[in-house]
Amino acid sequence: RGSLVGPLARDLGLSPAELPARKLRIVSGDEKQYFTLGEDNKNLRVNERIDRESVCEAVSPCVLSLEAVVENPFNIFHVSVTIQDINDNAPQFDREFVAIEMIESTPPGARFLLSSGRDPDIGANSLQNYQLTPNPLFSLVVRESPDGTKQPELVLEKSLDREKQRSHHLILTAVDGGDPVRSGTAQIKINVTD
């Protein structure tokens, strides 16, 4: 709140001397007034916190429009403010715990689709990749769909033996590309059936 967006009066070509007579004001079409004029009546400032994800969801670029109005003579200027994304969300999974039943005769190379993580941030701040806790029996393959969604798949690398180990615990981590990196995890329990 109160952060400077830009020198609105200067951008509109209004000199400080003519500002009092021109009565510069802003009008927003939204029910929320995200912007206000500073006390000097020259600078556009943030009036309340703007959460890009709640305002624009996945739409990019996220643009908020308002009108600047001046009098003597009367003019209306259309102003667009582009809202940049920050890395304020960590990737999340719909389910934090996943149970998979795997018969011990499952051949190596078999793949098991895992649930995707989701991150409402966009661009580099969105979900970028997955990691799996190192394990000699399982590996991870990440497939990318045409729309850019990344889908993790669990791959069985070696034959299972229920008599040696009845269950395996793994952690799937979804990471974004922000700075600092944010992540979310899901626990995977694999029950080996006879």
N, C-alpha and C. Protein backbone atom coordinates (compact mmCIF):
# COMPACT_ATOMS: atom_id res chain seq x y z
N ARG A 1 0.85 -1.18 0.00
CA ARG A 1 0.00 0.00 0.00
C ARG A 1 0.89 1.24 0.00
N GLY A 2 0.58 2.19 -0.88
CA GLY A 2 1.33 3.43 -0.94
C GLY A 2 2.51 3.38 -1.89
N SER A 3 2.82 2.19 -2.45
CA SER A 3 3.96 2.08 -3.37
C SER A 3 3.70 2.90 -4.63
N LEU A 4 4.78 3.48 -5.15
CA LEU A 4 4.69 4.29 -6.35
C LEU A 4 4.51 3.41 -7.58
N VAL A 5 3.51 3.71 -8.39
CA VAL A 5 3.30 3.03 -9.66
C VAL A 5 3.98 3.84 -10.76
N GLY A 6 3.77 5.15 -10.76
CA GLY A 6 4.39 6.00 -11.76
C GLY A 6 3.96 7.44 -11.64
N PRO A 7 4.69 8.34 -12.33
CA PRO A 7 4.37 9.77 -12.31
C PRO A 7 3.23 10.08 -13.29
N LEU A 8 2.00 9.88 -12.86
CA LEU A 8 0.84 9.99 -13.75
C LEU A 8 0.71 11.39 -14.37
N ALA A 9 0.81 12.43 -13.58
CA ALA A 9 0.64 13.79 -14.12
C ALA A 9 1.68 14.07 -15.21
N ARG A 10 2.92 13.71 -14.97
CA ARG A 10 3.97 13.93 -15.97
C ARG A 10 3.70 13.10 -17.23
N ASP A 11 3.29 11.83 -17.04
CA ASP A 11 3.01 10.96 -18.19
C ASP A 11 1.85 11.49 -19.04
N LEU A 12 0.94 12.21 -18.40
CA LEU A 12 -0.20 12.80 -19.14
C LEU A 12 0.16 14.16 -19.74
N GLY A 13 1.37 14.65 -19.48
CA GLY A 13 1.81 15.94 -20.04
C GLY A 13 1.33 17.13 -19.24
N LEU A 14 0.98 16.93 -17.98
CA LEU A 14 0.50 18.03 -17.14
C LEU A 14 1.66 18.60 -16.33
N SER A 15 1.80 19.92 -16.36
CA SER A 15 2.87 20.56 -15.59
C SER A 15 2.39 20.78 -14.16
N PRO A 16 3.32 20.85 -13.19
CA PRO A 16 2.93 21.09 -11.80
C PRO A 16 2.13 22.38 -11.63
N ALA A 17 2.40 23.39 -12.45
CA ALA A 17 1.71 24.68 -12.32
C ALA A 17 0.24 24.56 -12.69
N GLU A 18 -0.10 23.73 -13.68
CA GLU A 18 -1.49 23.65 -14.11
C GLU A 18 -2.32 22.61 -13.35
N LEU A 19 -1.69 21.79 -12.49
CA LEU A 19 -2.41 20.73 -11.79
C LEU A 19 -3.58 21.22 -10.94
N PRO A 20 -3.43 22.27 -10.13
CA PRO A 20 -4.58 22.69 -9.31
C PRO A 20 -5.81 23.05 -10.14
N ALA A 21 -5.63 23.72 -11.26
CA ALA A 21 -6.77 24.13 -12.10
C ALA A 21 -7.36 22.95 -12.86
N ARG A 22 -6.54 21.96 -13.20
CA ARG A 22 -7.01 20.82 -14.01
C ARG A 22 -7.73 19.76 -13.18
N LYS A 23 -7.53 19.74 -11.85
CA LYS A 23 -8.24 18.83 -10.94
C LYS A 23 -8.14 17.37 -11.39
N LEU A 24 -6.91 16.89 -11.51
CA LEU A 24 -6.66 15.51 -11.90
C LEU A 24 -7.23 14.54 -10.88
N ARG A 25 -7.96 13.57 -11.37
CA ARG A 25 -8.48 12.50 -10.49
C ARG A 25 -8.54 11.21 -11.29
N ILE A 26 -8.63 10.09 -10.58
CA ILE A 26 -8.72 8.80 -11.27
C ILE A 26 -10.05 8.14 -10.97
N VAL A 27 -10.52 7.39 -11.95
CA VAL A 27 -11.79 6.67 -11.83
C VAL A 27 -11.52 5.23 -12.24
N SER A 28 -11.92 4.31 -11.40
CA SER A 28 -11.71 2.89 -11.70
C SER A 28 -13.05 2.25 -12.01
N GLY A 29 -13.07 1.39 -13.01
CA GLY A 29 -14.30 0.67 -13.34
C GLY A 29 -14.54 -0.50 -12.40
N ASP A 30 -13.50 -0.90 -11.65
CA ASP A 30 -13.64 -2.03 -10.71
C ASP A 30 -14.29 -1.57 -9.43
N GLU A 31 -14.87 -2.52 -8.72
CA GLU A 31 -15.45 -2.18 -7.42
C GLU A 31 -14.34 -1.91 -6.40
N LYS A 32 -13.16 -2.48 -6.63
CA LYS A 32 -12.03 -2.22 -5.74
C LYS A 32 -11.19 -1.10 -6.34
N GLN A 33 -10.78 -0.20 -5.48
CA GLN A 33 -9.90 0.90 -5.91
C GLN A 33 -8.47 0.48 -5.61
N TYR A 34 -7.82 -0.16 -6.59
CA TYR A 34 -6.45 -0.63 -6.39
C TYR A 34 -5.44 0.52 -6.40
N PHE A 35 -5.82 1.65 -7.01
CA PHE A 35 -4.87 2.76 -7.16
C PHE A 35 -5.47 4.06 -6.64
N THR A 36 -4.58 4.96 -6.26
CA THR A 36 -5.00 6.28 -5.78
C THR A 36 -3.94 7.28 -6.22
N LEU A 37 -4.31 8.55 -6.20
CA LEU A 37 -3.33 9.61 -6.45
C LEU A 37 -2.66 9.94 -5.12
N GLY A 38 -1.35 10.18 -5.16
CA GLY A 38 -0.64 10.55 -3.95
C GLY A 38 -1.10 11.90 -3.45
N GLU A 39 -0.63 12.28 -2.25
CA GLU A 39 -1.02 13.56 -1.66
C GLU A 39 -0.63 14.74 -2.54
N ASP A 40 0.43 14.56 -3.33
CA ASP A 40 0.87 15.63 -4.22
C ASP A 40 -0.01 15.72 -5.46
N ASN A 41 -0.93 14.78 -5.63
CA ASN A 41 -1.87 14.73 -6.76
C ASN A 41 -1.17 14.56 -8.11
N LYS A 42 0.09 14.06 -8.08
CA LYS A 42 0.84 13.87 -9.32
C LYS A 42 1.14 12.41 -9.60
N ASN A 43 1.36 11.65 -8.55
CA ASN A 43 1.85 10.28 -8.70
C ASN A 43 0.75 9.25 -8.44
N LEU A 44 0.73 8.23 -9.29
CA LEU A 44 -0.20 7.11 -9.11
C LEU A 44 0.43 6.14 -8.12
N ARG A 45 -0.33 5.78 -7.08
CA ARG A 45 0.17 4.89 -6.03
C ARG A 45 -0.79 3.73 -5.82
N VAL A 46 -0.27 2.66 -5.23
CA VAL A 46 -1.09 1.48 -4.90
C VAL A 46 -1.95 1.83 -3.70
N ASN A 47 -3.25 1.60 -3.80
CA ASN A 47 -4.18 1.92 -2.73
C ASN A 47 -4.40 0.73 -1.80
N GLU A 48 -4.39 -0.49 -2.36
CA GLU A 48 -4.52 -1.69 -1.55
C GLU A 48 -3.76 -2.82 -2.22
N ARG A 49 -3.43 -3.83 -1.42
CA ARG A 49 -2.62 -4.95 -1.92
C ARG A 49 -3.29 -5.59 -3.14
N ILE A 50 -2.47 -5.87 -4.15
CA ILE A 50 -2.97 -6.50 -5.38
C ILE A 50 -2.41 -7.91 -5.46
N ASP A 51 -3.29 -8.89 -5.46
CA ASP A 51 -2.88 -10.29 -5.62
C ASP A 51 -3.18 -10.70 -7.05
N ARG A 52 -2.12 -10.81 -7.87
CA ARG A 52 -2.28 -11.09 -9.29
C ARG A 52 -3.12 -12.35 -9.53
N GLU A 53 -2.92 -13.38 -8.72
CA GLU A 53 -3.64 -14.64 -8.93
C GLU A 53 -5.14 -14.49 -8.69
N SER A 54 -5.55 -13.68 -7.72
CA SER A 54 -6.98 -13.53 -7.48
C SER A 54 -7.62 -12.55 -8.46
N VAL A 55 -6.84 -11.60 -8.98
CA VAL A 55 -7.37 -10.61 -9.92
C VAL A 55 -7.47 -11.20 -11.33
N CYS A 56 -6.41 -11.88 -11.77
CA CYS A 56 -6.34 -12.34 -13.17
C CYS A 56 -6.27 -13.85 -13.34
N GLU A 57 -6.12 -14.61 -12.26
CA GLU A 57 -5.93 -16.05 -12.32
C GLU A 57 -4.77 -16.39 -13.25
N ALA A 58 -4.98 -17.20 -14.30
CA ALA A 58 -3.88 -17.62 -15.17
C ALA A 58 -3.69 -16.70 -16.38
N VAL A 59 -4.51 -15.66 -16.50
CA VAL A 59 -4.42 -14.77 -17.66
C VAL A 59 -3.10 -13.98 -17.60
N SER A 60 -2.42 -13.95 -18.73
CA SER A 60 -1.17 -13.21 -18.81
C SER A 60 -1.10 -12.48 -20.14
N PRO A 61 -0.79 -11.20 -20.20
CA PRO A 61 -0.45 -10.36 -19.05
C PRO A 61 -1.70 -9.96 -18.26
N CYS A 62 -1.47 -9.63 -17.00
CA CYS A 62 -2.55 -9.19 -16.10
C CYS A 62 -2.57 -7.66 -16.13
N VAL A 63 -3.64 -7.10 -16.69
CA VAL A 63 -3.71 -5.65 -16.87
C VAL A 63 -4.95 -5.10 -16.16
N LEU A 64 -4.74 -4.08 -15.34
CA LEU A 64 -5.85 -3.36 -14.70
C LEU A 64 -5.99 -2.01 -15.40
N SER A 65 -7.23 -1.65 -15.71
CA SER A 65 -7.48 -0.39 -16.42
C SER A 65 -8.19 0.60 -15.51
N LEU A 66 -7.88 1.86 -15.73
CA LEU A 66 -8.56 2.94 -15.01
C LEU A 66 -8.56 4.16 -15.92
N GLU A 67 -9.27 5.19 -15.50
CA GLU A 67 -9.31 6.42 -16.29
C GLU A 67 -8.83 7.58 -15.44
N ALA A 68 -8.03 8.43 -16.05
CA ALA A 68 -7.59 9.67 -15.41
C ALA A 68 -8.42 10.80 -16.04
N VAL A 69 -9.03 11.61 -15.20
CA VAL A 69 -9.92 12.67 -15.67
C VAL A 69 -9.33 14.03 -15.25
N VAL A 70 -9.32 14.96 -16.21
CA VAL A 70 -8.90 16.34 -15.91
C VAL A 70 -9.97 17.30 -16.42
N GLU A 71 -10.01 18.48 -15.82
CA GLU A 71 -10.98 19.50 -16.22
C GLU A 71 -10.24 20.71 -16.79
N ASN A 72 -10.99 21.62 -17.36
CA ASN A 72 -10.48 22.91 -17.86
C ASN A 72 -9.36 22.78 -18.88
N PRO A 73 -9.48 22.21 -20.00
CA PRO A 73 -10.66 21.55 -20.59
C PRO A 73 -10.76 20.11 -20.11
N PHE A 74 -11.97 19.58 -20.26
CA PHE A 74 -12.29 18.22 -19.82
C PHE A 74 -11.63 17.20 -20.75
N ASN A 75 -10.91 16.26 -20.16
CA ASN A 75 -10.27 15.17 -20.92
C ASN A 75 -10.33 13.90 -20.10
N ILE A 76 -10.44 12.77 -20.80
CA ILE A 76 -10.37 11.46 -20.16
C ILE A 76 -9.19 10.71 -20.79
N PHE A 77 -8.32 10.19 -19.94
CA PHE A 77 -7.18 9.39 -20.40
C PHE A 77 -7.37 7.96 -19.90
N HIS A 78 -7.18 7.01 -20.80
CA HIS A 78 -7.27 5.60 -20.43
C HIS A 78 -5.88 5.13 -19.99
N VAL A 79 -5.80 4.57 -18.79
CA VAL A 79 -4.53 4.15 -18.21
C VAL A 79 -4.59 2.65 -17.96
N SER A 80 -3.54 1.95 -18.39
CA SER A 80 -3.44 0.51 -18.14
C SER A 80 -2.22 0.25 -17.28
N VAL A 81 -2.40 -0.56 -16.24
CA VAL A 81 -1.30 -0.92 -15.35
C VAL A 81 -1.13 -2.44 -15.44
N THR A 82 0.05 -2.89 -15.83
CA THR A 82 0.35 -4.32 -15.92
C THR A 82 0.86 -4.80 -14.57
N ILE A 83 0.22 -5.85 -14.05
CA ILE A 83 0.60 -6.41 -12.75
C ILE A 83 1.58 -7.56 -12.99
N GLN A 84 2.78 -7.42 -12.44
CA GLN A 84 3.81 -8.45 -12.58
C GLN A 84 3.61 -9.53 -11.53
N ASP A 85 3.97 -10.76 -11.88
CA ASP A 85 3.86 -11.89 -10.96
C ASP A 85 5.08 -11.94 -10.04
N ILE A 86 4.84 -12.25 -8.78
CA ILE A 86 5.93 -12.55 -7.85
C ILE A 86 5.74 -13.99 -7.40
N ASN A 87 6.78 -14.59 -6.89
CA ASN A 87 6.71 -15.99 -6.47
C ASN A 87 6.12 -16.07 -5.06
N ASP A 88 4.81 -15.85 -4.95
CA ASP A 88 4.17 -15.86 -3.64
C ASP A 88 3.37 -17.12 -3.37
N ASN A 89 3.47 -18.12 -4.26
CA ASN A 89 2.77 -19.39 -4.06
C ASN A 89 3.74 -20.54 -4.27
N ALA A 90 3.63 -21.53 -3.41
CA ALA A 90 4.43 -22.75 -3.57
C ALA A 90 3.59 -23.78 -4.31
N PRO A 91 4.24 -24.65 -5.09
CA PRO A 91 3.48 -25.73 -5.73
C PRO A 91 2.79 -26.60 -4.67
N GLN A 92 1.63 -27.14 -5.03
CA GLN A 92 0.88 -28.00 -4.11
C GLN A 92 0.33 -29.19 -4.88
N PHE A 93 0.09 -30.26 -4.14
CA PHE A 93 -0.57 -31.44 -4.70
C PHE A 93 -1.98 -31.51 -4.14
N ASP A 94 -2.91 -32.07 -4.93
CA ASP A 94 -4.28 -32.23 -4.44
C ASP A 94 -4.31 -33.17 -3.23
N ARG A 95 -3.47 -34.20 -3.29
CA ARG A 95 -3.38 -35.14 -2.16
C ARG A 95 -1.93 -35.19 -1.69
N GLU A 96 -1.74 -35.03 -0.39
CA GLU A 96 -0.38 -35.04 0.17
C GLU A 96 0.10 -36.45 0.45
N PHE A 97 -0.82 -37.42 0.40
CA PHE A 97 -0.45 -38.81 0.65
C PHE A 97 -1.07 -39.67 -0.44
N VAL A 98 -0.24 -40.48 -1.10
CA VAL A 98 -0.71 -41.33 -2.19
C VAL A 98 -0.31 -42.76 -1.89
N ALA A 99 -1.27 -43.69 -1.99
CA ALA A 99 -0.99 -45.11 -1.79
C ALA A 99 -1.12 -45.82 -3.14
N ILE A 100 -0.11 -46.63 -3.46
CA ILE A 100 -0.12 -47.38 -4.71
C ILE A 100 0.06 -48.86 -4.38
N GLU A 101 -0.82 -49.70 -4.92
CA GLU A 101 -0.69 -51.15 -4.78
C GLU A 101 0.06 -51.65 -6.00
N MET A 102 1.13 -52.43 -5.76
CA MET A 102 1.94 -52.94 -6.86
C MET A 102 2.19 -54.42 -6.62
N ILE A 103 1.79 -55.26 -7.57
CA ILE A 103 2.01 -56.69 -7.43
C ILE A 103 3.49 -56.98 -7.65
N GLU A 104 4.04 -57.93 -6.90
CA GLU A 104 5.50 -58.15 -6.96
C GLU A 104 5.97 -58.69 -8.31
N SER A 105 5.04 -59.16 -9.14
CA SER A 105 5.43 -59.65 -10.47
C SER A 105 5.41 -58.54 -11.53
N THR A 106 5.18 -57.30 -11.11
CA THR A 106 5.19 -56.17 -12.05
C THR A 106 6.56 -56.09 -12.72
N PRO A 107 6.60 -56.06 -14.05
CA PRO A 107 7.89 -56.06 -14.74
C PRO A 107 8.61 -54.71 -14.64
N PRO A 108 9.93 -54.73 -14.56
CA PRO A 108 10.68 -53.47 -14.58
C PRO A 108 10.34 -52.69 -15.86
N GLY A 109 10.30 -51.39 -15.74
CA GLY A 109 9.92 -50.53 -16.86
C GLY A 109 8.47 -50.09 -16.78
N ALA A 110 7.68 -50.75 -15.92
CA ALA A 110 6.27 -50.37 -15.76
C ALA A 110 6.20 -48.95 -15.21
N ARG A 111 5.21 -48.19 -15.73
CA ARG A 111 5.06 -46.79 -15.32
C ARG A 111 3.73 -46.59 -14.60
N PHE A 112 3.75 -45.70 -13.64
CA PHE A 112 2.56 -45.38 -12.85
C PHE A 112 2.40 -43.87 -12.83
N LEU A 113 1.26 -43.42 -13.33
CA LEU A 113 0.97 -42.00 -13.40
C LEU A 113 0.77 -41.45 -11.99
N LEU A 114 1.43 -40.36 -11.68
CA LEU A 114 1.28 -39.70 -10.38
C LEU A 114 0.49 -38.41 -10.58
N SER A 115 -0.14 -37.93 -9.53
CA SER A 115 -0.90 -36.69 -9.67
C SER A 115 0.04 -35.51 -9.83
N SER A 116 -0.37 -34.57 -10.67
CA SER A 116 0.43 -33.37 -10.93
C SER A 116 0.27 -32.38 -9.79
N GLY A 117 1.30 -31.60 -9.60
CA GLY A 117 1.21 -30.48 -8.68
C GLY A 117 0.62 -29.29 -9.43
N ARG A 118 0.26 -28.27 -8.70
CA ARG A 118 -0.25 -27.06 -9.35
C ARG A 118 0.30 -25.85 -8.61
N ASP A 119 0.49 -24.78 -9.36
CA ASP A 119 1.05 -23.55 -8.81
C ASP A 119 0.36 -22.40 -9.54
N PRO A 120 -0.38 -21.54 -8.83
CA PRO A 120 -1.09 -20.45 -9.50
C PRO A 120 -0.19 -19.35 -10.07
N ASP A 121 1.09 -19.34 -9.67
CA ASP A 121 2.01 -18.36 -10.26
C ASP A 121 2.20 -18.69 -11.74
N ILE A 122 2.75 -17.73 -12.50
CA ILE A 122 2.95 -17.94 -13.93
C ILE A 122 4.42 -17.79 -14.30
N GLY A 123 4.74 -18.19 -15.52
CA GLY A 123 6.11 -18.03 -16.04
C GLY A 123 7.11 -18.81 -15.22
N ALA A 124 8.26 -18.20 -15.00
CA ALA A 124 9.34 -18.86 -14.25
C ALA A 124 8.94 -19.15 -12.81
N ASN A 125 7.97 -18.43 -12.28
CA ASN A 125 7.54 -18.64 -10.89
C ASN A 125 6.59 -19.83 -10.74
N SER A 126 6.16 -20.41 -11.86
CA SER A 126 5.24 -21.54 -11.80
C SER A 126 6.01 -22.85 -11.61
N LEU A 127 5.29 -23.95 -11.49
CA LEU A 127 5.89 -25.26 -11.32
C LEU A 127 6.79 -25.58 -12.51
N GLN A 128 8.04 -25.94 -12.23
CA GLN A 128 9.00 -26.20 -13.30
C GLN A 128 9.42 -27.66 -13.42
N ASN A 129 9.48 -28.38 -12.29
CA ASN A 129 9.96 -29.76 -12.36
C ASN A 129 9.57 -30.54 -11.11
N TYR A 130 9.86 -31.84 -11.16
CA TYR A 130 9.60 -32.75 -10.05
C TYR A 130 10.89 -33.47 -9.67
N GLN A 131 10.96 -33.87 -8.41
CA GLN A 131 12.09 -34.66 -7.93
C GLN A 131 11.54 -35.79 -7.08
N LEU A 132 12.26 -36.91 -7.07
CA LEU A 132 11.86 -38.08 -6.29
C LEU A 132 13.02 -38.44 -5.38
N THR A 133 12.70 -38.84 -4.14
CA THR A 133 13.77 -39.27 -3.24
C THR A 133 14.53 -40.41 -3.91
N PRO A 134 15.86 -40.38 -3.86
CA PRO A 134 16.64 -41.44 -4.50
C PRO A 134 16.27 -42.81 -3.95
N ASN A 135 16.08 -43.76 -4.87
CA ASN A 135 15.69 -45.11 -4.50
C ASN A 135 16.15 -46.04 -5.62
N PRO A 136 16.79 -47.18 -5.29
CA PRO A 136 17.30 -48.06 -6.34
C PRO A 136 16.19 -48.77 -7.14
N LEU A 137 15.00 -48.85 -6.59
CA LEU A 137 13.92 -49.58 -7.28
C LEU A 137 13.05 -48.69 -8.16
N PHE A 138 13.04 -47.38 -7.89
CA PHE A 138 12.12 -46.49 -8.61
C PHE A 138 12.84 -45.26 -9.14
N SER A 139 12.36 -44.77 -10.27
CA SER A 139 12.86 -43.50 -10.82
C SER A 139 11.65 -42.67 -11.24
N LEU A 140 11.93 -41.49 -11.70
CA LEU A 140 10.87 -40.56 -12.08
C LEU A 140 11.10 -40.09 -13.51
N VAL A 141 10.02 -40.08 -14.29
CA VAL A 141 10.04 -39.51 -15.63
C VAL A 141 9.00 -38.40 -15.63
N VAL A 142 9.35 -37.25 -16.20
CA VAL A 142 8.41 -36.13 -16.28
C VAL A 142 8.11 -35.88 -17.75
N ARG A 143 6.84 -36.02 -18.10
CA ARG A 143 6.40 -35.77 -19.48
C ARG A 143 5.76 -34.39 -19.55
N GLU A 144 6.02 -33.70 -20.64
CA GLU A 144 5.42 -32.38 -20.82
C GLU A 144 4.37 -32.46 -21.92
N SER A 145 3.16 -32.03 -21.60
CA SER A 145 2.07 -32.03 -22.58
C SER A 145 2.18 -30.79 -23.47
N PRO A 146 1.45 -30.77 -24.60
CA PRO A 146 1.53 -29.61 -25.51
C PRO A 146 1.18 -28.28 -24.83
N ASP A 147 0.34 -28.30 -23.80
CA ASP A 147 -0.02 -27.04 -23.12
C ASP A 147 1.01 -26.63 -22.07
N GLY A 148 2.10 -27.39 -21.94
CA GLY A 148 3.16 -27.04 -20.99
C GLY A 148 3.03 -27.68 -19.63
N THR A 149 1.94 -28.42 -19.39
CA THR A 149 1.76 -29.09 -18.11
C THR A 149 2.76 -30.22 -17.98
N LYS A 150 3.37 -30.33 -16.81
CA LYS A 150 4.34 -31.39 -16.57
C LYS A 150 3.69 -32.50 -15.75
N GLN A 151 3.76 -33.73 -16.27
CA GLN A 151 3.12 -34.88 -15.64
C GLN A 151 4.17 -35.87 -15.14
N PRO A 152 4.23 -36.11 -13.82
CA PRO A 152 5.22 -37.06 -13.29
C PRO A 152 4.72 -38.51 -13.40
N GLU A 153 5.66 -39.41 -13.73
CA GLU A 153 5.36 -40.83 -13.79
C GLU A 153 6.43 -41.58 -13.00
N LEU A 154 5.99 -42.52 -12.18
CA LEU A 154 6.88 -43.37 -11.41
C LEU A 154 7.25 -44.57 -12.28
N VAL A 155 8.54 -44.88 -12.37
CA VAL A 155 9.01 -45.99 -13.19
C VAL A 155 9.65 -47.03 -12.28
N LEU A 156 9.21 -48.31 -12.43
CA LEU A 156 9.82 -49.41 -11.69
C LEU A 156 11.10 -49.80 -12.41
N GLU A 157 12.23 -49.72 -11.70
CA GLU A 157 13.53 -49.99 -12.31
C GLU A 157 13.98 -51.45 -12.14
N LYS A 158 13.63 -52.06 -11.00
CA LYS A 158 14.06 -53.44 -10.70
C LYS A 158 12.86 -54.23 -10.19
N SER A 159 12.97 -55.54 -10.25
CA SER A 159 11.88 -56.41 -9.78
C SER A 159 11.66 -56.25 -8.27
N LEU A 160 10.40 -56.34 -7.88
CA LEU A 160 10.02 -56.24 -6.47
C LEU A 160 10.05 -57.62 -5.83
N ASP A 161 10.29 -57.65 -4.53
CA ASP A 161 10.26 -58.90 -3.77
C ASP A 161 9.56 -58.61 -2.45
N ARG A 162 8.30 -59.06 -2.36
CA ARG A 162 7.49 -58.76 -1.18
C ARG A 162 8.09 -59.35 0.09
N GLU A 163 8.75 -60.49 -0.04
CA GLU A 163 9.32 -61.13 1.14
C GLU A 163 10.50 -60.32 1.71
N LYS A 164 11.19 -59.58 0.85
CA LYS A 164 12.30 -58.73 1.32
C LYS A 164 11.78 -57.40 1.88
N GLN A 165 10.81 -56.81 1.18
CA GLN A 165 10.27 -55.51 1.63
C GLN A 165 8.83 -55.37 1.17
N ARG A 166 7.92 -55.21 2.14
CA ARG A 166 6.48 -55.16 1.85
C ARG A 166 6.02 -53.78 1.38
N SER A 167 6.74 -52.74 1.77
CA SER A 167 6.32 -51.40 1.36
C SER A 167 7.54 -50.50 1.16
N HIS A 168 7.31 -49.48 0.35
CA HIS A 168 8.36 -48.50 0.05
C HIS A 168 7.76 -47.11 0.25
N HIS A 169 8.55 -46.22 0.84
CA HIS A 169 8.11 -44.84 1.07
C HIS A 169 8.98 -43.90 0.26
N LEU A 170 8.32 -43.07 -0.56
CA LEU A 170 9.02 -42.11 -1.40
C LEU A 170 8.41 -40.72 -1.18
N ILE A 171 9.16 -39.69 -1.52
CA ILE A 171 8.63 -38.33 -1.46
C ILE A 171 8.79 -37.70 -2.84
N LEU A 172 7.66 -37.26 -3.39
CA LEU A 172 7.65 -36.55 -4.66
C LEU A 172 7.62 -35.05 -4.35
N THR A 173 8.57 -34.32 -4.92
CA THR A 173 8.66 -32.88 -4.66
C THR A 173 8.43 -32.11 -5.96
N ALA A 174 7.55 -31.12 -5.91
CA ALA A 174 7.31 -30.23 -7.05
C ALA A 174 8.03 -28.92 -6.74
N VAL A 175 8.83 -28.44 -7.68
CA VAL A 175 9.59 -27.20 -7.46
C VAL A 175 9.26 -26.17 -8.52
N ASP A 176 9.26 -24.91 -8.11
CA ASP A 176 9.04 -23.83 -9.08
C ASP A 176 10.37 -23.20 -9.45
N GLY A 177 10.33 -22.19 -10.30
CA GLY A 177 11.56 -21.58 -10.77
C GLY A 177 11.83 -20.22 -10.16
N GLY A 178 11.16 -19.90 -9.05
CA GLY A 178 11.33 -18.60 -8.43
C GLY A 178 12.67 -18.47 -7.73
N ASP A 179 12.94 -17.29 -7.20
CA ASP A 179 14.15 -17.03 -6.46
C ASP A 179 13.77 -16.31 -5.18
N PRO A 180 13.70 -16.98 -4.05
CA PRO A 180 14.11 -18.36 -3.83
C PRO A 180 13.08 -19.36 -4.36
N VAL A 181 13.55 -20.57 -4.60
CA VAL A 181 12.70 -21.65 -5.09
C VAL A 181 11.71 -22.04 -4.00
N ARG A 182 10.47 -22.30 -4.41
CA ARG A 182 9.45 -22.81 -3.49
C ARG A 182 9.10 -24.23 -3.93
N SER A 183 8.66 -25.04 -2.98
CA SER A 183 8.35 -26.43 -3.32
C SER A 183 7.19 -26.95 -2.49
N GLY A 184 6.61 -28.04 -2.96
CA GLY A 184 5.56 -28.75 -2.25
C GLY A 184 5.82 -30.24 -2.39
N THR A 185 5.34 -31.03 -1.43
CA THR A 185 5.62 -32.46 -1.46
C THR A 185 4.37 -33.30 -1.34
N ALA A 186 4.50 -34.54 -1.81
CA ALA A 186 3.48 -35.57 -1.63
C ALA A 186 4.22 -36.84 -1.23
N GLN A 187 3.70 -37.53 -0.23
CA GLN A 187 4.29 -38.79 0.20
C GLN A 187 3.66 -39.92 -0.60
N ILE A 188 4.51 -40.83 -1.05
CA ILE A 188 4.02 -41.98 -1.83
C ILE A 188 4.37 -43.24 -1.05
N LYS A 189 3.35 -44.03 -0.75
CA LYS A 189 3.57 -45.33 -0.11
C LYS A 189 3.20 -46.41 -1.10
N ILE A 190 4.15 -47.27 -1.40
CA ILE A 190 3.92 -48.36 -2.34
C ILE A 190 3.81 -49.65 -1.54
N ASN A 191 2.64 -50.26 -1.61
CA ASN A 191 2.42 -51.54 -0.96
C ASN A 191 2.62 -52.65 -1.97
N VAL A 192 3.52 -53.57 -1.68
CA VAL A 192 3.81 -54.68 -2.58
C VAL A 192 2.92 -55.85 -2.22
N THR A 193 2.15 -56.32 -3.20
CA THR A 193 1.23 -57.43 -2.95
C THR A 193 1.83 -58.73 -3.46
N ASP A 194 1.42 -59.84 -2.86
CA ASP A 194 1.97 -61.14 -3.16
C ASP A 194 1.46 -61.65 -4.50
